[in-house]
């Protein structure tokens, strides 16, 4: 599977923009501190990484069978 560098760059840019907007919203609208935003971001990143790892491992296991 070949990856398109422009699509990857666009996806990273959109993710960064979404993170900046989410941080701004959390601090300005909901009154969360920077530490609370950081902890929430770390938990979300860990859950996303676990989901992607499980998906990758399960798809590889399915191809092996």
C-alpha atoms as a PDB file:
ATOM      1  CA  UNK A   1       0.000   0.000   0.000  1.00  0.00           C
ATOM      2  CA  UNK A   2       1.524   3.291  -1.052  1.00  0.00           C
ATOM      3  CA  UNK A   3       0.902   6.416   0.985  1.00  0.00           C
ATOM      4  CA  UNK A   4       0.432   9.840  -0.544  1.00  0.00           C
ATOM      5  CA  UNK A   5       2.748  12.359   1.192  1.00  0.00           C
ATOM      6  CA  UNK A   6       0.352  15.238   0.510  1.00  0.00           C
ATOM      7  CA  UNK A   7      -2.543  13.363   2.124  1.00  0.00           C
ATOM      8  CA  UNK A   8      -0.404  12.585   5.179  1.00  0.00           C
ATOM      9  CA  UNK A   9       0.671  16.228   5.469  1.00  0.00           C
ATOM     10  CA  UNK A  10      -2.939  17.377   5.156  1.00  0.00           C
ATOM     11  CA  UNK A  11      -4.091  14.900   7.818  1.00  0.00           C
ATOM     12  CA  UNK A  12      -1.380  16.066  10.233  1.00  0.00           C
ATOM     13  CA  UNK A  13      -2.302  19.699   9.596  1.00  0.00           C
ATOM     14  CA  UNK A  14      -5.979  19.043  10.274  1.00  0.00           C
ATOM     15  CA  UNK A  15      -5.102  17.141  13.464  1.00  0.00           C
ATOM     16  CA  UNK A  16      -2.949  20.029  14.714  1.00  0.00           C
ATOM     17  CA  UNK A  17      -5.697  22.548  13.950  1.00  0.00           C
ATOM     18  CA  UNK A  18      -8.277  20.396  15.748  1.00  0.00           C
ATOM     19  CA  UNK A  19      -5.977  20.104  18.782  1.00  0.00           C
ATOM     20  CA  UNK A  20      -5.492  23.874  18.957  1.00  0.00           C
ATOM     21  CA  UNK A  21      -9.239  24.487  18.724  1.00  0.00           C
ATOM     22  CA  UNK A  22      -9.985  21.826  21.358  1.00  0.00           C
ATOM     23  CA  UNK A  23      -7.368  23.317  23.709  1.00  0.00           C
ATOM     24  CA  UNK A  24      -8.754  26.812  23.263  1.00  0.00           C
ATOM     25  CA  UNK A  25     -12.304  25.628  23.834  1.00  0.00           C
ATOM     26  CA  UNK A  26     -11.376  23.630  26.934  1.00  0.00           C
ATOM     27  CA  UNK A  27      -9.544  26.509  28.553  1.00  0.00           C
ATOM     28  CA  UNK A  28     -11.706  29.461  27.513  1.00  0.00           C
ATOM     29  CA  UNK A  29     -15.218  27.988  27.504  1.00  0.00           C
ATOM     30  CA  UNK A  30     -14.979  25.244  30.134  1.00  0.00           C
ATOM     31  CA  UNK A  31     -12.399  26.862  32.414  1.00  0.00           C
ATOM     32  CA  UNK A  32     -10.032  23.896  32.524  1.00  0.00           C
ATOM     33  CA  UNK A  33      -6.422  24.453  33.528  1.00  0.00           C
ATOM     34  CA  UNK A  34      -3.523  23.606  31.252  1.00  0.00           C
ATOM     35  CA  UNK A  35      -2.716  20.579  33.434  1.00  0.00           C
ATOM     36  CA  UNK A  36      -6.266  19.232  33.140  1.00  0.00           C
ATOM     37  CA  UNK A  37      -6.172  19.662  29.362  1.00  0.00           C
ATOM     38  CA  UNK A  38      -2.800  17.899  29.217  1.00  0.00           C
ATOM     39  CA  UNK A  39      -4.024  14.939  31.276  1.00  0.00           C
ATOM     40  CA  UNK A  40      -7.147  14.588  29.125  1.00  0.00           C
ATOM     41  CA  UNK A  41      -5.032  14.744  25.963  1.00  0.00           C
ATOM     42  CA  UNK A  42      -2.670  12.048  27.262  1.00  0.00           C
ATOM     43  CA  UNK A  43      -5.573   9.755  28.141  1.00  0.00           C
ATOM     44  CA  UNK A  44      -7.152  10.292  24.722  1.00  0.00           C
ATOM     45  CA  UNK A  45      -3.823   9.656  22.977  1.00  0.00           C
ATOM     46  CA  UNK A  46      -3.279   6.439  24.954  1.00  0.00           C
ATOM     47  CA  UNK A  47      -6.764   5.184  24.090  1.00  0.00           C
ATOM     48  CA  UNK A  48      -6.288   6.031  20.418  1.00  0.00           C
ATOM     49  CA  UNK A  49      -2.885   4.316  20.349  1.00  0.00           C
ATOM     50  CA  UNK A  50      -4.358   1.204  21.981  1.00  0.00           C
ATOM     51  CA  UNK A  51      -7.210   1.135  19.466  1.00  0.00           C
ATOM     52  CA  UNK A  52      -4.845   1.530  16.500  1.00  0.00           C
ATOM     53  CA  UNK A  53      -2.487  -1.146  17.845  1.00  0.00           C
ATOM     54  CA  UNK A  54      -5.348  -3.589  18.380  1.00  0.00           C
ATOM     55  CA  UNK A  55      -6.727  -2.883  14.911  1.00  0.00           C
ATOM     56  CA  UNK A  56      -3.307  -3.374  13.346  1.00  0.00           C
ATOM     57  CA  UNK A  57      -2.643  -6.622  15.208  1.00  0.00           C
ATOM     58  CA  UNK A  58      -6.103  -8.016  14.434  1.00  0.00           C
ATOM     59  CA  UNK A  59      -5.877  -7.139  10.750  1.00  0.00           C
ATOM     60  CA  UNK A  60      -2.448  -8.799  10.509  1.00  0.00           C
ATOM     61  CA  UNK A  61      -3.773 -11.884  12.294  1.00  0.00           C
ATOM     62  CA  UNK A  62      -6.672 -12.026   9.836  1.00  0.00           C
ATOM     63  CA  UNK A  63      -4.299 -11.901   6.864  1.00  0.00           C
ATOM     64  CA  UNK A  64      -2.184 -14.707   8.315  1.00  0.00           C
ATOM     65  CA  UNK A  65      -5.132 -17.094   8.431  1.00  0.00           C
END
